[in-house]
Amino acid sequence: MVKSLEKKFIVDIDKCTKCGLCIKLCPVSNLSTGSDDIPDFQGNCNFCMRCISFCPTEAIGRASGKEYFLYRAVKAAELI
């Protein structure tokens, strides 16, 4: 079962562990805890993709009609 976050993102309710990491990492406080403890979209997303990239269970990982790939940040020292 999936819950839509706006029309761009969906949350797989079966995969979501309700850890709140996506809510903590959102730089514009776009996500909040819904009544079912599943992340809710607030309408001011800047599409940074942090919620998708850092979700430990990949519950937020797809956008409607588009394929996105998970990426992880690396430390600057690793790029040299």
PDB file of N, CA and C in Angstrom:
ATOM      1  N   MET A   1       0.846  -1.174   0.000  1.00  0.00           N
ATOM      2  CA  MET A   1       0.000   0.000   0.000  1.00  0.00           C
ATOM      3  C   MET A   1       0.890   1.235   0.000  1.00  0.00           C
ATOM      4  N   VAL A   2       0.519   2.242  -0.750  1.00  0.00           N
ATOM      5  CA  VAL A   2       1.316   3.464  -0.819  1.00  0.00           C
ATOM      6  C   VAL A   2       0.491   4.671  -0.433  1.00  0.00           C
ATOM      7  N   LYS A   3       1.170   5.661   0.115  1.00  0.00           N
ATOM      8  CA  LYS A   3       0.544   6.928   0.471  1.00  0.00           C
ATOM      9  C   LYS A   3       1.221   7.998  -0.375  1.00  0.00           C
ATOM     10  N   SER A   4       0.441   8.819  -1.035  1.00  0.00           N
ATOM     11  CA  SER A   4       0.991   9.834  -1.919  1.00  0.00           C
ATOM     12  C   SER A   4       1.464  11.043  -1.142  1.00  0.00           C
ATOM     13  N   LEU A   5       2.673  11.505  -1.456  1.00  0.00           N
ATOM     14  CA  LEU A   5       3.186  12.767  -0.935  1.00  0.00           C
ATOM     15  C   LEU A   5       3.137  13.728  -2.104  1.00  0.00           C
ATOM     16  N   GLU A   6       2.159  14.569  -2.124  1.00  0.00           N
ATOM     17  CA  GLU A   6       1.840  15.425  -3.245  1.00  0.00           C
ATOM     18  C   GLU A   6       1.559  14.485  -4.407  1.00  0.00           C
ATOM     19  N   LYS A   7       1.908  14.858  -5.625  1.00  0.00           N
ATOM     20  CA  LYS A   7       1.756  13.953  -6.754  1.00  0.00           C
ATOM     21  C   LYS A   7       3.110  13.446  -7.214  1.00  0.00           C
ATOM     22  N   LYS A   8       4.174  13.956  -6.605  1.00  0.00           N
ATOM     23  CA  LYS A   8       5.520  13.604  -7.029  1.00  0.00           C
ATOM     24  C   LYS A   8       6.075  12.394  -6.281  1.00  0.00           C
ATOM     25  N   PHE A   9       5.825  12.300  -4.990  1.00  0.00           N
ATOM     26  CA  PHE A   9       6.413  11.252  -4.173  1.00  0.00           C
ATOM     27  C   PHE A   9       5.344  10.337  -3.595  1.00  0.00           C
ATOM     28  N   ILE A  10       5.738   9.109  -3.377  1.00  0.00           N
ATOM     29  CA  ILE A  10       4.860   8.175  -2.690  1.00  0.00           C
ATOM     30  C   ILE A  10       5.640   7.487  -1.579  1.00  0.00           C
ATOM     31  N   VAL A  11       4.937   7.117  -0.548  1.00  0.00           N
ATOM     32  CA  VAL A  11       5.527   6.396   0.568  1.00  0.00           C
ATOM     33  C   VAL A  11       4.909   5.009   0.592  1.00  0.00           C
ATOM     34  N   ASP A  12       5.750   3.998   0.594  1.00  0.00           N
ATOM     35  CA  ASP A  12       5.283   2.627   0.718  1.00  0.00           C
ATOM     36  C   ASP A  12       5.031   2.370   2.201  1.00  0.00           C
ATOM     37  N   ILE A  13       3.781   2.335   2.584  1.00  0.00           N
ATOM     38  CA  ILE A  13       3.401   2.191   3.989  1.00  0.00           C
ATOM     39  C   ILE A  13       3.917   0.885   4.574  1.00  0.00           C
ATOM     40  N   ASP A  14       4.004  -0.142   3.761  1.00  0.00           N
ATOM     41  CA  ASP A  14       4.498  -1.429   4.243  1.00  0.00           C
ATOM     42  C   ASP A  14       5.993  -1.399   4.546  1.00  0.00           C
ATOM     43  N   LYS A  15       6.738  -0.525   3.868  1.00  0.00           N
ATOM     44  CA  LYS A  15       8.180  -0.417   4.100  1.00  0.00           C
ATOM     45  C   LYS A  15       8.536   0.620   5.155  1.00  0.00           C
ATOM     46  N   CYS A  16       7.701   1.631   5.321  1.00  0.00           N
ATOM     47  CA  CYS A  16       8.000   2.728   6.242  1.00  0.00           C
ATOM     48  C   CYS A  16       8.001   2.230   7.684  1.00  0.00           C
ATOM     49  N   THR A  17       9.110   2.497   8.394  1.00  0.00           N
ATOM     50  CA  THR A  17       9.219   2.093   9.801  1.00  0.00           C
ATOM     51  C   THR A  17       8.876   3.237  10.750  1.00  0.00           C
ATOM     52  N   LYS A  18       8.484   4.381  10.177  1.00  0.00           N
ATOM     53  CA  LYS A  18       8.085   5.551  10.960  1.00  0.00           C
ATOM     54  C   LYS A  18       9.231   6.079  11.818  1.00  0.00           C
ATOM     55  N   CYS A  19      10.446   5.974  11.287  1.00  0.00           N
ATOM     56  CA  CYS A  19      11.636   6.403  12.033  1.00  0.00           C
ATOM     57  C   CYS A  19      11.753   7.916  12.129  1.00  0.00           C
ATOM     58  N   GLY A  20      11.159   8.644  11.177  1.00  0.00           N
ATOM     59  CA  GLY A  20      11.188  10.102  11.200  1.00  0.00           C
ATOM     60  C   GLY A  20      12.453  10.726  10.624  1.00  0.00           C
ATOM     61  N   LEU A  21      13.352   9.920  10.068  1.00  0.00           N
ATOM     62  CA  LEU A  21      14.586  10.452   9.512  1.00  0.00           C
ATOM     63  C   LEU A  21      14.313  11.438   8.381  1.00  0.00           C
ATOM     64  N   CYS A  22      13.366  11.142   7.527  1.00  0.00           N
ATOM     65  CA  CYS A  22      13.030  12.045   6.417  1.00  0.00           C
ATOM     66  C   CYS A  22      12.543  13.394   6.941  1.00  0.00           C
ATOM     67  N   ILE A  23      11.794  13.371   8.014  1.00  0.00           N
ATOM     68  CA  ILE A  23      11.275  14.597   8.614  1.00  0.00           C
ATOM     69  C   ILE A  23      12.420  15.424   9.194  1.00  0.00           C
ATOM     70  N   LYS A  24      13.360  14.770   9.866  1.00  0.00           N
ATOM     71  CA  LYS A  24      14.503  15.467  10.467  1.00  0.00           C
ATOM     72  C   LYS A  24      15.439  16.039   9.412  1.00  0.00           C
ATOM     73  N   LEU A  25      15.604  15.357   8.288  1.00  0.00           N
ATOM     74  CA  LEU A  25      16.562  15.775   7.268  1.00  0.00           C
ATOM     75  C   LEU A  25      16.024  16.818   6.292  1.00  0.00           C
ATOM     76  N   CYS A  26      14.744  17.026   6.252  1.00  0.00           N
ATOM     77  CA  CYS A  26      14.165  17.957   5.281  1.00  0.00           C
ATOM     78  C   CYS A  26      14.609  19.390   5.601  1.00  0.00           C
ATOM     79  N   PRO A  27      15.326  20.044   4.662  1.00  0.00           N
ATOM     80  CA  PRO A  27      15.846  21.380   4.941  1.00  0.00           C
ATOM     81  C   PRO A  27      14.784  22.480   4.961  1.00  0.00           C
ATOM     82  N   VAL A  28      13.594  22.213   4.443  1.00  0.00           N
ATOM     83  CA  VAL A  28      12.540  23.229   4.428  1.00  0.00           C
ATOM     84  C   VAL A  28      11.338  22.831   5.289  1.00  0.00           C
ATOM     85  N   SER A  29      11.542  21.853   6.158  1.00  0.00           N
ATOM     86  CA  SER A  29      10.472  21.365   7.051  1.00  0.00           C
ATOM     87  C   SER A  29       9.202  21.045   6.274  1.00  0.00           C
ATOM     88  N   ASN A  30       9.373  20.384   5.156  1.00  0.00           N
ATOM     89  CA  ASN A  30       8.261  20.056   4.281  1.00  0.00           C
ATOM     90  C   ASN A  30       7.483  18.830   4.740  1.00  0.00           C
ATOM     91  N   LEU A  31       8.130  17.952   5.476  1.00  0.00           N
ATOM     92  CA  LEU A  31       7.481  16.729   5.925  1.00  0.00           C
ATOM     93  C   LEU A  31       7.116  16.831   7.389  1.00  0.00           C
ATOM     94  N   SER A  32       5.983  16.264   7.728  1.00  0.00           N
ATOM     95  CA  SER A  32       5.566  16.175   9.120  1.00  0.00           C
ATOM     96  C   SER A  32       4.938  14.812   9.330  1.00  0.00           C
ATOM     97  N   THR A  33       4.721  14.470  10.582  1.00  0.00           N
ATOM     98  CA  THR A  33       4.099  13.198  10.902  1.00  0.00           C
ATOM     99  C   THR A  33       2.597  13.316  10.730  1.00  0.00           C
ATOM    100  N   GLY A  34       2.049  12.447   9.904  1.00  0.00           N
ATOM    101  CA  GLY A  34       0.611  12.433   9.692  1.00  0.00           C
ATOM    102  C   GLY A  34      -0.104  11.721  10.824  1.00  0.00           C
ATOM    103  N   SER A  35      -1.399  11.654  10.744  1.00  0.00           N
ATOM    104  CA  SER A  35      -2.198  11.023  11.792  1.00  0.00           C
ATOM    105  C   SER A  35      -1.886   9.528  11.927  1.00  0.00           C
ATOM    106  N   ASP A  36      -1.390   8.930  10.863  1.00  0.00           N
ATOM    107  CA  ASP A  36      -1.035   7.510  10.885  1.00  0.00           C
ATOM    108  C   ASP A  36       0.459   7.301  11.113  1.00  0.00           C
ATOM    109  N   ASP A  37       1.182   8.345  11.533  1.00  0.00           N
ATOM    110  CA  ASP A  37       2.629   8.340  11.777  1.00  0.00           C
ATOM    111  C   ASP A  37       3.462   8.131  10.520  1.00  0.00           C
ATOM    112  N   ILE A  38       2.846   8.229   9.364  1.00  0.00           N
ATOM    113  CA  ILE A  38       3.539   8.149   8.081  1.00  0.00           C
ATOM    114  C   ILE A  38       3.830   9.588   7.651  1.00  0.00           C
ATOM    115  N   PRO A  39       5.006   9.866   7.051  1.00  0.00           N
ATOM    116  CA  PRO A  39       5.324  11.237   6.633  1.00  0.00           C
ATOM    117  C   PRO A  39       4.259  11.845   5.724  1.00  0.00           C
ATOM    118  N   ASP A  40       3.961  13.104   5.981  1.00  0.00           N
ATOM    119  CA  ASP A  40       2.993  13.856   5.184  1.00  0.00           C
ATOM    120  C   ASP A  40       3.682  15.027   4.505  1.00  0.00           C
ATOM    121  N   PHE A  41       3.345  15.266   3.249  1.00  0.00           N
ATOM    122  CA  PHE A  41       3.881  16.368   2.458  1.00  0.00           C
ATOM    123  C   PHE A  41       3.143  17.648   2.819  1.00  0.00           C
ATOM    124  N   GLN A  42       3.875  18.750   3.030  1.00  0.00           N
ATOM    125  CA  GLN A  42       3.259  20.011   3.440  1.00  0.00           C
ATOM    126  C   GLN A  42       3.087  21.022   2.310  1.00  0.00           C
ATOM    127  N   GLY A  43       3.666  20.772   1.146  1.00  0.00           N
ATOM    128  CA  GLY A  43       3.434  21.649   0.011  1.00  0.00           C
ATOM    129  C   GLY A  43       4.536  22.634  -0.327  1.00  0.00           C
ATOM    130  N   ASN A  44       5.672  22.591   0.365  1.00  0.00           N
ATOM    131  CA  ASN A  44       6.748  23.521   0.037  1.00  0.00           C
ATOM    132  C   ASN A  44       8.061  22.798  -0.278  1.00  0.00           C
ATOM    133  N   CYS A  45       7.976  21.664  -0.905  1.00  0.00           N
ATOM    134  CA  CYS A  45       9.145  20.848  -1.263  1.00  0.00           C
ATOM    135  C   CYS A  45      10.025  21.573  -2.278  1.00  0.00           C
ATOM    136  N   ASN A  46      11.350  21.522  -2.063  1.00  0.00           N
ATOM    137  CA  ASN A  46      12.276  22.092  -3.045  1.00  0.00           C
ATOM    138  C   ASN A  46      12.985  20.987  -3.833  1.00  0.00           C
ATOM    139  N   PHE A  47      12.517  19.751  -3.698  1.00  0.00           N
ATOM    140  CA  PHE A  47      12.992  18.586  -4.447  1.00  0.00           C
ATOM    141  C   PHE A  47      14.486  18.335  -4.281  1.00  0.00           C
ATOM    142  N   CYS A  48      14.978  18.438  -3.062  1.00  0.00           N
ATOM    143  CA  CYS A  48      16.385  18.152  -2.781  1.00  0.00           C
ATOM    144  C   CYS A  48      16.647  16.644  -2.777  1.00  0.00           C
ATOM    145  N   MET A  49      15.614  15.860  -2.611  1.00  0.00           N
ATOM    146  CA  MET A  49      15.660  14.395  -2.632  1.00  0.00           C
ATOM    147  C   MET A  49      16.317  13.775  -1.399  1.00  0.00           C
ATOM    148  N   ARG A  50      16.500  14.530  -0.331  1.00  0.00           N
ATOM    149  CA  ARG A  50      17.071  13.950   0.884  1.00  0.00           C
ATOM    150  C   ARG A  50      16.188  12.839   1.437  1.00  0.00           C
ATOM    151  N   CYS A  51      14.891  13.047   1.427  1.00  0.00           N
ATOM    152  CA  CYS A  51      13.980  12.037   1.974  1.00  0.00           C
ATOM    153  C   CYS A  51      14.122  10.722   1.214  1.00  0.00           C
ATOM    154  N   ILE A  52      14.272  10.815  -0.095  1.00  0.00           N
ATOM    155  CA  ILE A  52      14.445   9.622  -0.915  1.00  0.00           C
ATOM    156  C   ILE A  52      15.812   9.007  -0.683  1.00  0.00           C
ATOM    157  N   SER A  53      16.839   9.822  -0.670  1.00  0.00           N
ATOM    158  CA  SER A  53      18.215   9.336  -0.606  1.00  0.00           C
ATOM    159  C   SER A  53      18.577   8.670   0.708  1.00  0.00           C
ATOM    160  N   PHE A  54      18.042   9.170   1.803  1.00  0.00           N
ATOM    161  CA  PHE A  54      18.468   8.667   3.096  1.00  0.00           C
ATOM    162  C   PHE A  54      17.447   7.779   3.803  1.00  0.00           C
ATOM    163  N   CYS A  55      16.356   7.467   3.181  1.00  0.00           N
ATOM    164  CA  CYS A  55      15.372   6.563   3.790  1.00  0.00           C
ATOM    165  C   CYS A  55      16.007   5.183   3.954  1.00  0.00           C
ATOM    166  N   PRO A  56      16.138   4.699   5.184  1.00  0.00           N
ATOM    167  CA  PRO A  56      16.835   3.429   5.408  1.00  0.00           C
ATOM    168  C   PRO A  56      16.123   2.209   4.834  1.00  0.00           C
ATOM    169  N   THR A  57      14.829   2.313   4.600  1.00  0.00           N
ATOM    170  CA  THR A  57      14.087   1.165   4.063  1.00  0.00           C
ATOM    171  C   THR A  57      13.613   1.391   2.628  1.00  0.00           C
ATOM    172  N   GLU A  58      14.034   2.518   2.039  1.00  0.00           N
ATOM    173  CA  GLU A  58      13.634   2.890   0.683  1.00  0.00           C
ATOM    174  C   GLU A  58      12.111   2.980   0.539  1.00  0.00           C
ATOM    175  N   ALA A  59      11.450   3.414   1.601  1.00  0.00           N
ATOM    176  CA  ALA A  59       9.996   3.566   1.573  1.00  0.00           C
ATOM    177  C   ALA A  59       9.583   4.764   0.718  1.00  0.00           C
ATOM    178  N   ILE A  60      10.400   5.809   0.724  1.00  0.00           N
ATOM    179  CA  ILE A  60      10.176   6.956  -0.156  1.00  0.00           C
ATOM    180  C   ILE A  60      11.221   6.817  -1.243  1.00  0.00           C
ATOM    181  N   GLY A  61      10.805   6.356  -2.394  1.00  0.00           N
ATOM    182  CA  GLY A  61      11.843   6.122  -3.366  1.00  0.00           C
ATOM    183  C   GLY A  61      11.422   6.240  -4.800  1.00  0.00           C
ATOM    184  N   ARG A  62      10.196   6.575  -5.024  1.00  0.00           N
ATOM    185  CA  ARG A  62       9.733   6.657  -6.406  1.00  0.00           C
ATOM    186  C   ARG A  62       8.955   7.936  -6.610  1.00  0.00           C
ATOM    187  N   ALA A  63       9.040   8.450  -7.794  1.00  0.00           N
ATOM    188  CA  ALA A  63       8.226   9.595  -8.176  1.00  0.00           C
ATOM    189  C   ALA A  63       7.345   9.160  -9.338  1.00  0.00           C
ATOM    190  N   SER A  64       6.171   9.679  -9.396  1.00  0.00           N
ATOM    191  CA  SER A  64       5.218   9.308 -10.441  1.00  0.00           C
ATOM    192  C   SER A  64       5.789   9.583 -11.827  1.00  0.00           C
ATOM    193  N   GLY A  65       5.869   8.556 -12.631  1.00  0.00           N
ATOM    194  CA  GLY A  65       6.296   8.705 -14.008  1.00  0.00           C
ATOM    195  C   GLY A  65       7.787   8.890 -14.212  1.00  0.00           C
ATOM    196  N   LYS A  66       8.565   8.912 -13.147  1.00  0.00           N
ATOM    197  CA  LYS A  66      10.004   9.092 -13.273  1.00  0.00           C
ATOM    198  C   LYS A  66      10.722   8.033 -12.460  1.00  0.00           C
ATOM    199  N   GLU A  67      11.909   7.682 -12.917  1.00  0.00           N
ATOM    200  CA  GLU A  67      12.732   6.726 -12.201  1.00  0.00           C
ATOM    201  C   GLU A  67      13.865   7.493 -11.520  1.00  0.00           C
ATOM    202  N   TYR A  68      13.993   7.319 -10.211  1.00  0.00           N
ATOM    203  CA  TYR A  68      15.067   7.961  -9.474  1.00  0.00           C
ATOM    204  C   TYR A  68      15.957   6.900  -8.878  1.00  0.00           C
ATOM    205  N   PHE A  69      17.222   7.224  -8.757  1.00  0.00           N
ATOM    206  CA  PHE A  69      18.183   6.301  -8.189  1.00  0.00           C
ATOM    207  C   PHE A  69      18.682   6.871  -6.877  1.00  0.00           C
ATOM    208  N   LEU A  70      18.872   6.001  -5.905  1.00  0.00           N
ATOM    209  CA  LEU A  70      19.376   6.438  -4.623  1.00  0.00           C
ATOM    210  C   LEU A  70      20.828   6.856  -4.759  1.00  0.00           C
ATOM    211  N   TYR A  71      21.229   7.877  -4.044  1.00  0.00           N
ATOM    212  CA  TYR A  71      22.620   8.301  -4.006  1.00  0.00           C
ATOM    213  C   TYR A  71      22.969   8.640  -2.576  1.00  0.00           C
ATOM    214  N   ARG A  72      24.217   8.558  -2.272  1.00  0.00           N
ATOM    215  CA  ARG A  72      24.691   8.883  -0.936  1.00  0.00           C
ATOM    216  C   ARG A  72      25.766   9.945  -1.049  1.00  0.00           C
ATOM    217  N   ALA A  73      25.767  10.844  -0.110  1.00  0.00           N
ATOM    218  CA  ALA A  73      26.793  11.868  -0.081  1.00  0.00           C
ATOM    219  C   ALA A  73      28.116  11.248   0.354  1.00  0.00           C
ATOM    220  N   VAL A  74      29.192  11.781  -0.149  1.00  0.00           N
ATOM    221  CA  VAL A  74      30.522  11.358   0.255  1.00  0.00           C
ATOM    222  C   VAL A  74      31.236  12.539   0.870  1.00  0.00           C
ATOM    223  N   LYS A  75      32.217  12.256   1.683  1.00  0.00           N
ATOM    224  CA  LYS A  75      33.004  13.332   2.283  1.00  0.00           C
ATOM    225  C   LYS A  75      33.926  13.911   1.235  1.00  0.00           C
ATOM    226  N   ALA A  76      34.190  15.198   1.346  1.00  0.00           N
ATOM    227  CA  ALA A  76      35.022  15.885   0.362  1.00  0.00           C
ATOM    228  C   ALA A  76      36.385  15.210   0.207  1.00  0.00           C
ATOM    229  N   ALA A  77      36.941  14.706   1.281  1.00  0.00           N
ATOM    230  CA  ALA A  77      38.252  14.044   1.225  1.00  0.00           C
ATOM    231  C   ALA A  77      38.231  12.810   0.306  1.00  0.00           C
ATOM    232  N   GLU A  78      37.075  12.177   0.198  1.00  0.00           N
ATOM    233  CA  GLU A  78      36.969  10.993  -0.651  1.00  0.00           C
ATOM    234  C   GLU A  78      36.975  11.337  -2.127  1.00  0.00           C
ATOM    235  N   LEU A  79      36.737  12.586  -2.476  1.00  0.00           N
ATOM    236  CA  LEU A  79      36.703  13.014  -3.872  1.00  0.00           C
ATOM    237  C   LEU A  79      38.086  13.358  -4.406  1.00  0.00           C
ATOM    238  N   ILE A  80      39.034  13.537  -3.519  1.00  0.00           N
ATOM    239  CA  ILE A  80      40.386  13.955  -3.929  1.00  0.00           C
ATOM    240  C   ILE A  80      41.216  12.752  -4.309  1.00  0.00           C
TER     241      ILE A  80
END
